[in-house]
Amino acid sequence: MAVVKTEDSNFANDLAHDKVVVKYHADWCGSCKLFSPKFKRLSEDERFKDIVFLDVNAEQNPEARKLAGVDNLPFFATFSHGKLVEAKSTSKEDVFLDMLSKL
């Protein structure tokens, strides 16, 4: 599944799925840019075909940022049916994969 860019106006609807992972980033964040290809690759991985991958600009979407408690970038949050499951700031793929495995 492709990565879906989302924003505050439709964030709640995008979270309504069974399994969702959100990548929070900012245009100035170098680590965010470095993780983007990994995020895209994993969104297309057959193992994660039942997970919706969302991409949110944390600076432009304060409501989405507040919902996950974003305090550093890059930041990832997993949701199930709109409820926060786990959230953490990391740029390590293995930590991110661990989050996906818990969904």
PDB file of N, CA and C in Angstrom:
ATOM      1  N   MET A   1       0.844  -1.177   0.000  1.00  0.00           N
ATOM      2  CA  MET A   1       0.000   0.000   0.000  1.00  0.00           C
ATOM      3  C   MET A   1       0.891   1.243   0.000  1.00  0.00           C
ATOM      4  N   ALA A   2       0.487   2.239  -0.700  1.00  0.00           N
ATOM      5  CA  ALA A   2       1.272   3.471  -0.783  1.00  0.00           C
ATOM      6  C   ALA A   2       1.139   4.286   0.501  1.00  0.00           C
ATOM      7  N   VAL A   3       2.106   5.152   0.722  1.00  0.00           N
ATOM      8  CA  VAL A   3       2.062   6.075   1.850  1.00  0.00           C
ATOM      9  C   VAL A   3       1.043   7.174   1.516  1.00  0.00           C
ATOM     10  N   VAL A   4       0.172   7.469   2.471  1.00  0.00           N
ATOM     11  CA  VAL A   4      -0.861   8.487   2.283  1.00  0.00           C
ATOM     12  C   VAL A   4      -0.480   9.734   3.072  1.00  0.00           C
ATOM     13  N   LYS A   5      -0.369  10.862   2.377  1.00  0.00           N
ATOM     14  CA  LYS A   5      -0.125  12.130   3.067  1.00  0.00           C
ATOM     15  C   LYS A   5      -1.459  12.616   3.609  1.00  0.00           C
ATOM     16  N   THR A   6      -1.454  13.024   4.863  1.00  0.00           N
ATOM     17  CA  THR A   6      -2.694  13.464   5.492  1.00  0.00           C
ATOM     18  C   THR A   6      -2.450  14.733   6.293  1.00  0.00           C
ATOM     19  N   GLU A   7      -3.538  15.354   6.713  1.00  0.00           N
ATOM     20  CA  GLU A   7      -3.451  16.584   7.501  1.00  0.00           C
ATOM     21  C   GLU A   7      -4.595  16.628   8.498  1.00  0.00           C
ATOM     22  N   ASP A   8      -4.597  17.644   9.342  1.00  0.00           N
ATOM     23  CA  ASP A   8      -5.580  17.745  10.413  1.00  0.00           C
ATOM     24  C   ASP A   8      -7.016  17.563   9.926  1.00  0.00           C
ATOM     25  N   SER A   9      -7.347  18.138   8.781  1.00  0.00           N
ATOM     26  CA  SER A   9      -8.734  18.136   8.309  1.00  0.00           C
ATOM     27  C   SER A   9      -9.311  16.736   8.067  1.00  0.00           C
ATOM     28  N   ASN A  10      -8.487  15.763   7.761  1.00  0.00           N
ATOM     29  CA  ASN A  10      -8.995  14.409   7.526  1.00  0.00           C
ATOM     30  C   ASN A  10      -8.263  13.349   8.351  1.00  0.00           C
ATOM     31  N   PHE A  11      -7.513  13.776   9.357  1.00  0.00           N
ATOM     32  CA  PHE A  11      -6.708  12.850  10.150  1.00  0.00           C
ATOM     33  C   PHE A  11      -7.581  11.827  10.888  1.00  0.00           C
ATOM     34  N   ALA A  12      -8.656  12.254  11.512  1.00  0.00           N
ATOM     35  CA  ALA A  12      -9.531  11.341  12.261  1.00  0.00           C
ATOM     36  C   ALA A  12     -10.094  10.246  11.352  1.00  0.00           C
ATOM     37  N   ASN A  13     -10.491  10.606  10.152  1.00  0.00           N
ATOM     38  CA  ASN A  13     -11.002   9.610   9.206  1.00  0.00           C
ATOM     39  C   ASN A  13      -9.918   8.616   8.811  1.00  0.00           C
ATOM     40  N   ASP A  14      -8.703   9.111   8.614  1.00  0.00           N
ATOM     41  CA  ASP A  14      -7.602   8.243   8.219  1.00  0.00           C
ATOM     42  C   ASP A  14      -7.209   7.268   9.330  1.00  0.00           C
ATOM     43  N   LEU A  15      -7.461   7.652  10.588  1.00  0.00           N
ATOM     44  CA  LEU A  15      -7.124   6.787  11.725  1.00  0.00           C
ATOM     45  C   LEU A  15      -8.175   5.715  11.988  1.00  0.00           C
ATOM     46  N   ALA A  16      -9.302   5.788  11.322  1.00  0.00           N
ATOM     47  CA  ALA A  16     -10.423   4.888  11.615  1.00  0.00           C
ATOM     48  C   ALA A  16     -10.180   3.437  11.198  1.00  0.00           C
ATOM     49  N   HIS A  17      -9.088   3.151  10.565  1.00  0.00           N
ATOM     50  CA  HIS A  17      -8.774   1.797  10.122  1.00  0.00           C
ATOM     51  C   HIS A  17      -8.311   0.925  11.300  1.00  0.00           C
ATOM     52  N   ASP A  18      -8.272  -0.371  11.056  1.00  0.00           N
ATOM     53  CA  ASP A  18      -7.868  -1.329  12.071  1.00  0.00           C
ATOM     54  C   ASP A  18      -6.426  -1.115  12.526  1.00  0.00           C
ATOM     55  N   LYS A  19      -5.521  -0.953  11.557  1.00  0.00           N
ATOM     56  CA  LYS A  19      -4.097  -0.791  11.876  1.00  0.00           C
ATOM     57  C   LYS A  19      -3.530   0.376  11.079  1.00  0.00           C
ATOM     58  N   VAL A  20      -2.960   1.343  11.805  1.00  0.00           N
ATOM     59  CA  VAL A  20      -2.417   2.547  11.165  1.00  0.00           C
ATOM     60  C   VAL A  20      -1.083   2.897  11.809  1.00  0.00           C
ATOM     61  N   VAL A  21      -0.124   3.284  10.975  1.00  0.00           N
ATOM     62  CA  VAL A  21       1.134   3.827  11.479  1.00  0.00           C
ATOM     63  C   VAL A  21       1.306   5.213  10.867  1.00  0.00           C
ATOM     64  N   VAL A  22       1.743   6.157  11.699  1.00  0.00           N
ATOM     65  CA  VAL A  22       1.906   7.544  11.257  1.00  0.00           C
ATOM     66  C   VAL A  22       3.356   7.959  11.428  1.00  0.00           C
ATOM     67  N   LYS A  23       3.905   8.558  10.370  1.00  0.00           N
ATOM     68  CA  LYS A  23       5.245   9.152  10.453  1.00  0.00           C
ATOM     69  C   LYS A  23       5.056  10.659  10.503  1.00  0.00           C
ATOM     70  N   TYR A  24       5.549  11.268  11.561  1.00  0.00           N
ATOM     71  CA  TYR A  24       5.518  12.725  11.712  1.00  0.00           C
ATOM     72  C   TYR A  24       6.876  13.266  11.305  1.00  0.00           C
ATOM     73  N   HIS A  25       6.871  14.294  10.477  1.00  0.00           N
ATOM     74  CA  HIS A  25       8.124  14.851   9.982  1.00  0.00           C
ATOM     75  C   HIS A  25       8.010  16.378   9.878  1.00  0.00           C
ATOM     76  N   ALA A  26       9.122  17.002   9.544  1.00  0.00           N
ATOM     77  CA  ALA A  26       9.169  18.433   9.228  1.00  0.00           C
ATOM     78  C   ALA A  26      10.114  18.598   8.041  1.00  0.00           C
ATOM     79  N   ASP A  27       9.881  19.623   7.263  1.00  0.00           N
ATOM     80  CA  ASP A  27      10.695  19.850   6.063  1.00  0.00           C
ATOM     81  C   ASP A  27      12.176  20.053   6.388  1.00  0.00           C
ATOM     82  N   TRP A  28      12.490  20.605   7.546  1.00  0.00           N
ATOM     83  CA  TRP A  28      13.875  20.904   7.920  1.00  0.00           C
ATOM     84  C   TRP A  28      14.593  19.697   8.552  1.00  0.00           C
ATOM     85  N   CYS A  29      13.868  18.610   8.828  1.00  0.00           N
ATOM     86  CA  CYS A  29      14.405  17.472   9.580  1.00  0.00           C
ATOM     87  C   CYS A  29      15.176  16.510   8.678  1.00  0.00           C
ATOM     88  N   GLY A  30      16.479  16.496   8.807  1.00  0.00           N
ATOM     89  CA  GLY A  30      17.327  15.626   8.001  1.00  0.00           C
ATOM     90  C   GLY A  30      17.080  14.153   8.253  1.00  0.00           C
ATOM     91  N   SER A  31      16.929  13.761   9.516  1.00  0.00           N
ATOM     92  CA  SER A  31      16.665  12.356   9.845  1.00  0.00           C
ATOM     93  C   SER A  31      15.322  11.898   9.278  1.00  0.00           C
ATOM     94  N   CYS A  32      14.366  12.819   9.230  1.00  0.00           N
ATOM     95  CA  CYS A  32      13.050  12.497   8.649  1.00  0.00           C
ATOM     96  C   CYS A  32      13.201  12.181   7.166  1.00  0.00           C
ATOM     97  N   LYS A  33      14.000  12.996   6.488  1.00  0.00           N
ATOM     98  CA  LYS A  33      14.223  12.789   5.050  1.00  0.00           C
ATOM     99  C   LYS A  33      14.942  11.468   4.794  1.00  0.00           C
ATOM    100  N   LEU A  34      15.884  11.122   5.659  1.00  0.00           N
ATOM    101  CA  LEU A  34      16.616   9.867   5.500  1.00  0.00           C
ATOM    102  C   LEU A  34      15.722   8.648   5.736  1.00  0.00           C
ATOM    103  N   PHE A  35      14.719   8.783   6.599  1.00  0.00           N
ATOM    104  CA  PHE A  35      13.849   7.648   6.895  1.00  0.00           C
ATOM    105  C   PHE A  35      12.739   7.481   5.853  1.00  0.00           C
ATOM    106  N   SER A  36      12.423   8.508   5.106  1.00  0.00           N
ATOM    107  CA  SER A  36      11.313   8.457   4.148  1.00  0.00           C
ATOM    108  C   SER A  36      11.384   7.289   3.167  1.00  0.00           C
ATOM    109  N   PRO A  37      12.541   7.003   2.546  1.00  0.00           N
ATOM    110  CA  PRO A  37      12.593   5.847   1.636  1.00  0.00           C
ATOM    111  C   PRO A  37      12.321   4.516   2.344  1.00  0.00           C
ATOM    112  N   LYS A  38      12.759   4.377   3.588  1.00  0.00           N
ATOM    113  CA  LYS A  38      12.511   3.160   4.357  1.00  0.00           C
ATOM    114  C   LYS A  38      11.013   3.022   4.634  1.00  0.00           C
ATOM    115  N   PHE A  39      10.391   4.130   5.016  1.00  0.00           N
ATOM    116  CA  PHE A  39       8.960   4.147   5.304  1.00  0.00           C
ATOM    117  C   PHE A  39       8.166   3.728   4.062  1.00  0.00           C
ATOM    118  N   LYS A  40       8.549   4.277   2.907  1.00  0.00           N
ATOM    119  CA  LYS A  40       7.881   3.935   1.652  1.00  0.00           C
ATOM    120  C   LYS A  40       8.083   2.460   1.314  1.00  0.00           C
ATOM    121  N   ARG A  41       9.313   1.981   1.451  1.00  0.00           N
ATOM    122  CA  ARG A  41       9.615   0.579   1.149  1.00  0.00           C
ATOM    123  C   ARG A  41       8.801  -0.353   2.045  1.00  0.00           C
ATOM    124  N   LEU A  42       8.732  -0.048   3.330  1.00  0.00           N
ATOM    125  CA  LEU A  42       7.997  -0.896   4.263  1.00  0.00           C
ATOM    126  C   LEU A  42       6.485  -0.837   4.007  1.00  0.00           C
ATOM    127  N   SER A  43       5.996   0.298   3.529  1.00  0.00           N
ATOM    128  CA  SER A  43       4.562   0.405   3.219  1.00  0.00           C
ATOM    129  C   SER A  43       4.173  -0.525   2.072  1.00  0.00           C
ATOM    130  N   GLU A  44       5.155  -0.872   1.238  1.00  0.00           N
ATOM    131  CA  GLU A  44       4.902  -1.757   0.102  1.00  0.00           C
ATOM    132  C   GLU A  44       5.276  -3.212   0.391  1.00  0.00           C
ATOM    133  N   ASP A  45       5.782  -3.470   1.585  1.00  0.00           N
ATOM    134  CA  ASP A  45       6.186  -4.817   1.993  1.00  0.00           C
ATOM    135  C   ASP A  45       4.938  -5.674   2.245  1.00  0.00           C
ATOM    136  N   GLU A  46       4.925  -6.854   1.690  1.00  0.00           N
ATOM    137  CA  GLU A  46       3.785  -7.772   1.809  1.00  0.00           C
ATOM    138  C   GLU A  46       3.437  -8.078   3.273  1.00  0.00           C
ATOM    139  N   ARG A  47       4.426  -8.096   4.144  1.00  0.00           N
ATOM    140  CA  ARG A  47       4.178  -8.395   5.564  1.00  0.00           C
ATOM    141  C   ARG A  47       3.254  -7.374   6.215  1.00  0.00           C
ATOM    142  N   PHE A  48       3.233  -6.152   5.677  1.00  0.00           N
ATOM    143  CA  PHE A  48       2.491  -5.061   6.302  1.00  0.00           C
ATOM    144  C   PHE A  48       1.325  -4.579   5.448  1.00  0.00           C
ATOM    145  N   LYS A  49       0.821  -5.456   4.589  1.00  0.00           N
ATOM    146  CA  LYS A  49      -0.227  -5.053   3.640  1.00  0.00           C
ATOM    147  C   LYS A  49      -1.526  -4.649   4.329  1.00  0.00           C
ATOM    148  N   ASP A  50      -1.727  -5.074   5.580  1.00  0.00           N
ATOM    149  CA  ASP A  50      -2.953  -4.724   6.291  1.00  0.00           C
ATOM    150  C   ASP A  50      -2.808  -3.472   7.163  1.00  0.00           C
ATOM    151  N   ILE A  51      -1.666  -2.781   7.043  1.00  0.00           N
ATOM    152  CA  ILE A  51      -1.421  -1.558   7.819  1.00  0.00           C
ATOM    153  C   ILE A  51      -1.476  -0.348   6.892  1.00  0.00           C
ATOM    154  N   VAL A  52      -2.197   0.694   7.323  1.00  0.00           N
ATOM    155  CA  VAL A  52      -2.259   1.952   6.578  1.00  0.00           C
ATOM    156  C   VAL A  52      -1.082   2.819   7.041  1.00  0.00           C
ATOM    157  N   PHE A  53      -0.277   3.294   6.097  1.00  0.00           N
ATOM    158  CA  PHE A  53       0.884   4.139   6.380  1.00  0.00           C
ATOM    159  C   PHE A  53       0.527   5.592   6.072  1.00  0.00           C
ATOM    160  N   LEU A  54       0.556   6.441   7.106  1.00  0.00           N
ATOM    161  CA  LEU A  54       0.239   7.858   6.942  1.00  0.00           C
ATOM    162  C   LEU A  54       1.477   8.707   7.171  1.00  0.00           C
ATOM    163  N   ASP A  55       1.553   9.815   6.456  1.00  0.00           N
ATOM    164  CA  ASP A  55       2.666  10.761   6.557  1.00  0.00           C
ATOM    165  C   ASP A  55       2.082  12.123   6.908  1.00  0.00           C
ATOM    166  N   VAL A  56       2.566  12.733   8.004  1.00  0.00           N
ATOM    167  CA  VAL A  56       2.030  14.001   8.490  1.00  0.00           C
ATOM    168  C   VAL A  56       3.165  14.999   8.717  1.00  0.00           C
ATOM    169  N   ASN A  57       2.991  16.202   8.190  1.00  0.00           N
ATOM    170  CA  ASN A  57       3.928  17.282   8.492  1.00  0.00           C
ATOM    171  C   ASN A  57       3.554  17.806   9.878  1.00  0.00           C
ATOM    172  N   ALA A  58       4.405  17.562  10.852  1.00  0.00           N
ATOM    173  CA  ALA A  58       4.110  17.900  12.244  1.00  0.00           C
ATOM    174  C   ALA A  58       3.975  19.401  12.471  1.00  0.00           C
ATOM    175  N   GLU A  59       4.681  20.203  11.711  1.00  0.00           N
ATOM    176  CA  GLU A  59       4.612  21.650  11.899  1.00  0.00           C
ATOM    177  C   GLU A  59       3.310  22.248  11.375  1.00  0.00           C
ATOM    178  N   GLN A  60       2.749  21.645  10.354  1.00  0.00           N
ATOM    179  CA  GLN A  60       1.545  22.186   9.728  1.00  0.00           C
ATOM    180  C   GLN A  60       0.258  21.566  10.252  1.00  0.00           C
ATOM    181  N   ASN A  61       0.359  20.569  11.116  1.00  0.00           N
ATOM    182  CA  ASN A  61      -0.822  19.846  11.596  1.00  0.00           C
ATOM    183  C   ASN A  61      -0.769  19.652  13.115  1.00  0.00           C
ATOM    184  N   PRO A  62      -1.046  20.711  13.863  1.00  0.00           N
ATOM    185  CA  PRO A  62      -0.921  20.653  15.326  1.00  0.00           C
ATOM    186  C   PRO A  62      -1.877  19.673  16.006  1.00  0.00           C
ATOM    187  N   GLU A  63      -3.063  19.474  15.457  1.00  0.00           N
ATOM    188  CA  GLU A  63      -4.014  18.541  16.083  1.00  0.00           C
ATOM    189  C   GLU A  63      -3.517  17.097  15.962  1.00  0.00           C
ATOM    190  N   ALA A  64      -3.031  16.729  14.801  1.00  0.00           N
ATOM    191  CA  ALA A  64      -2.484  15.379  14.608  1.00  0.00           C
ATOM    192  C   ALA A  64      -1.261  15.177  15.497  1.00  0.00           C
ATOM    193  N   ARG A  65      -0.446  16.206  15.608  1.00  0.00           N
ATOM    194  CA  ARG A  65       0.759  16.145  16.445  1.00  0.00           C
ATOM    195  C   ARG A  65       0.377  15.955  17.912  1.00  0.00           C
ATOM    196  N   LYS A  66      -0.619  16.699  18.371  1.00  0.00           N
ATOM    197  CA  LYS A  66      -1.043  16.632  19.766  1.00  0.00           C
ATOM    198  C   LYS A  66      -1.628  15.258  20.111  1.00  0.00           C
ATOM    199  N   LEU A  67      -2.343  14.664  19.180  1.00  0.00           N
ATOM    200  CA  LEU A  67      -2.985  13.372  19.415  1.00  0.00           C
ATOM    201  C   LEU A  67      -1.973  12.279  19.752  1.00  0.00           C
ATOM    202  N   ALA A  68      -0.772  12.367  19.204  1.00  0.00           N
ATOM    203  CA  ALA A  68       0.254  11.353  19.463  1.00  0.00           C
ATOM    204  C   ALA A  68       1.292  11.816  20.474  1.00  0.00           C
ATOM    205  N   GLY A  69       1.241  13.081  20.886  1.00  0.00           N
ATOM    206  CA  GLY A  69       2.229  13.588  21.840  1.00  0.00           C
ATOM    207  C   GLY A  69       3.611  13.743  21.239  1.00  0.00           C
ATOM    208  N   VAL A  70       3.668  14.203  20.004  1.00  0.00           N
ATOM    209  CA  VAL A  70       4.950  14.358  19.307  1.00  0.00           C
ATOM    210  C   VAL A  70       5.838  15.339  20.062  1.00  0.00           C
ATOM    211  N   ASP A  71       7.051  14.894  20.405  1.00  0.00           N
ATOM    212  CA  ASP A  71       7.981  15.745  21.140  1.00  0.00           C
ATOM    213  C   ASP A  71       9.357  15.836  20.484  1.00  0.00           C
ATOM    214  N   ASN A  72       9.559  15.098  19.397  1.00  0.00           N
ATOM    215  CA  ASN A  72      10.829  15.097  18.688  1.00  0.00           C
ATOM    216  C   ASN A  72      10.570  14.500  17.308  1.00  0.00           C
ATOM    217  N   LEU A  73      11.477  14.715  16.379  1.00  0.00           N
ATOM    218  CA  LEU A  73      11.297  14.204  15.019  1.00  0.00           C
ATOM    219  C   LEU A  73      12.529  13.432  14.567  1.00  0.00           C
ATOM    220  N   PRO A  74      12.385  12.417  13.735  1.00  0.00           N
ATOM    221  CA  PRO A  74      11.122  11.849  13.284  1.00  0.00           C
ATOM    222  C   PRO A  74      10.404  11.142  14.431  1.00  0.00           C
ATOM    223  N   PHE A  75       9.108  11.082  14.313  1.00  0.00           N
ATOM    224  CA  PHE A  75       8.265  10.511  15.362  1.00  0.00           C
ATOM    225  C   PHE A  75       7.263   9.575  14.708  1.00  0.00           C
ATOM    226  N   PHE A  76       7.041   8.428  15.329  1.00  0.00           N
ATOM    227  CA  PHE A  76       6.128   7.433  14.786  1.00  0.00           C
ATOM    228  C   PHE A  76       5.081   7.081  15.825  1.00  0.00           C
ATOM    229  N   ALA A  77       3.867   6.859  15.353  1.00  0.00           N
ATOM    230  CA  ALA A  77       2.782   6.454  16.242  1.00  0.00           C
ATOM    231  C   ALA A  77       1.957   5.377  15.548  1.00  0.00           C
ATOM    232  N   THR A  78       1.553   4.386  16.326  1.00  0.00           N
ATOM    233  CA  THR A  78       0.663   3.359  15.798  1.00  0.00           C
ATOM    234  C   THR A  78      -0.705   3.531  16.449  1.00  0.00           C
ATOM    235  N   PHE A  79      -1.742   3.299  15.643  1.00  0.00           N
ATOM    236  CA  PHE A  79      -3.117   3.445  16.095  1.00  0.00           C
ATOM    237  C   PHE A  79      -3.912   2.220  15.670  1.00  0.00           C
ATOM    238  N   SER A  80      -4.917   1.891  16.459  1.00  0.00           N
ATOM    239  CA  SER A  80      -5.866   0.851  16.093  1.00  0.00           C
ATOM    240  C   SER A  80      -7.266   1.403  16.319  1.00  0.00           C
ATOM    241  N   HIS A  81      -8.050   1.471  15.247  1.00  0.00           N
ATOM    242  CA  HIS A  81      -9.408   2.016  15.301  1.00  0.00           C
ATOM    243  C   HIS A  81      -9.430   3.403  15.948  1.00  0.00           C
ATOM    244  N   GLY A  82      -8.456   4.231  15.619  1.00  0.00           N
ATOM    245  CA  GLY A  82      -8.409   5.599  16.114  1.00  0.00           C
ATOM    246  C   GLY A  82      -7.784   5.787  17.476  1.00  0.00           C
ATOM    247  N   LYS A  83      -7.427   4.715  18.150  1.00  0.00           N
ATOM    248  CA  LYS A  83      -6.832   4.798  19.485  1.00  0.00           C
ATOM    249  C   LYS A  83      -5.321   4.609  19.399  1.00  0.00           C
ATOM    250  N   LEU A  84      -4.593   5.458  20.106  1.00  0.00           N
ATOM    251  CA  LEU A  84      -3.137   5.378  20.133  1.00  0.00           C
ATOM    252  C   LEU A  84      -2.690   4.079  20.796  1.00  0.00           C
ATOM    253  N   VAL A  85      -1.804   3.342  20.128  1.00  0.00           N
ATOM    254  CA  VAL A  85      -1.254   2.096  20.660  1.00  0.00           C
ATOM    255  C   VAL A  85       0.140   2.345  21.225  1.00  0.00           C
ATOM    256  N   GLU A  86       0.993   2.996  20.424  1.00  0.00           N
ATOM    257  CA  GLU A  86       2.384   3.241  20.826  1.00  0.00           C
ATOM    258  C   GLU A  86       2.901   4.456  20.077  1.00  0.00           C
ATOM    259  N   ALA A  87       3.808   5.195  20.710  1.00  0.00           N
ATOM    260  CA  ALA A  87       4.393   6.374  20.068  1.00  0.00           C
ATOM    261  C   ALA A  87       5.819   6.551  20.548  1.00  0.00           C
ATOM    262  N   LYS A  88       6.717   6.826  19.585  1.00  0.00           N
ATOM    263  CA  LYS A  88       8.106   7.094  19.976  1.00  0.00           C
ATOM    264  C   LYS A  88       8.861   7.807  18.865  1.00  0.00           C
ATOM    265  N   SER A  89       9.863   8.503  19.298  1.00  0.00           N
ATOM    266  CA  SER A  89      10.766   9.195  18.384  1.00  0.00           C
ATOM    267  C   SER A  89      11.948   8.276  18.118  1.00  0.00           C
ATOM    268  N   THR A  90      12.195   7.996  16.840  1.00  0.00           N
ATOM    269  CA  THR A  90      13.324   7.135  16.483  1.00  0.00           C
ATOM    270  C   THR A  90      13.676   7.341  15.024  1.00  0.00           C
ATOM    271  N   SER A  91      14.894   7.014  14.681  1.00  0.00           N
ATOM    272  CA  SER A  91      15.283   6.984  13.278  1.00  0.00           C
ATOM    273  C   SER A  91      15.870   5.606  12.950  1.00  0.00           C
ATOM    274  N   LYS A  92      15.629   4.655  13.849  1.00  0.00           N
ATOM    275  CA  LYS A  92      16.150   3.299  13.669  1.00  0.00           C
ATOM    276  C   LYS A  92      15.066   2.377  13.123  1.00  0.00           C
ATOM    277  N   GLU A  93      15.378   1.719  12.021  1.00  0.00           N
ATOM    278  CA  GLU A  93      14.402   0.854  11.365  1.00  0.00           C
ATOM    279  C   GLU A  93      13.975  -0.303  12.253  1.00  0.00           C
ATOM    280  N   ASP A  94      14.886  -0.877  13.030  1.00  0.00           N
ATOM    281  CA  ASP A  94      14.515  -2.017  13.874  1.00  0.00           C
ATOM    282  C   ASP A  94      13.509  -1.629  14.958  1.00  0.00           C
ATOM    283  N   VAL A  95      13.631  -0.424  15.493  1.00  0.00           N
ATOM    284  CA  VAL A  95      12.672   0.068  16.488  1.00  0.00           C
ATOM    285  C   VAL A  95      11.306   0.259  15.833  1.00  0.00           C
ATOM    286  N   PHE A  96      11.312   0.811  14.629  1.00  0.00           N
ATOM    287  CA  PHE A  96      10.083   1.012  13.878  1.00  0.00           C
ATOM    288  C   PHE A  96       9.418  -0.330  13.552  1.00  0.00           C
ATOM    289  N   LEU A  97      10.212  -1.317  13.126  1.00  0.00           N
ATOM    290  CA  LEU A  97       9.677  -2.646  12.825  1.00  0.00           C
ATOM    291  C   LEU A  97       9.065  -3.296  14.067  1.00  0.00           C
ATOM    292  N   ASP A  98       9.664  -3.064  15.211  1.00  0.00           N
ATOM    293  CA  ASP A  98       9.114  -3.587  16.461  1.00  0.00           C
ATOM    294  C   ASP A  98       7.732  -2.986  16.741  1.00  0.00           C
ATOM    295  N   MET A  99       7.578  -1.707  16.453  1.00  0.00           N
ATOM    296  CA  MET A  99       6.281  -1.047  16.619  1.00  0.00           C
ATOM    297  C   MET A  99       5.240  -1.684  15.690  1.00  0.00           C
ATOM    298  N   LEU A 100       5.633  -1.934  14.452  1.00  0.00           N
ATOM    299  CA  LEU A 100       4.702  -2.548  13.497  1.00  0.00           C
ATOM    300  C   LEU A 100       4.287  -3.948  13.943  1.00  0.00           C
ATOM    301  N   SER A 101       5.228  -4.678  14.512  1.00  0.00           N
ATOM    302  CA  SER A 101       4.930  -6.053  14.926  1.00  0.00           C
ATOM    303  C   SER A 101       3.924  -6.107  16.085  1.00  0.00           C
ATOM    304  N   LYS A 102       3.794  -5.024  16.823  1.00  0.00           N
ATOM    305  CA  LYS A 102       2.875  -4.989  17.966  1.00  0.00           C
ATOM    306  C   LYS A 102       1.448  -4.599  17.555  1.00  0.00           C
ATOM    307  N   LEU A 103       1.281  -4.189  16.311  1.00  0.00           N
ATOM    308  CA  LEU A 103      -0.063  -3.794  15.857  1.00  0.00           C
ATOM    309  C   LEU A 103      -0.970  -4.995  15.669  1.00  0.00           C
TER     310      LEU A 103
END
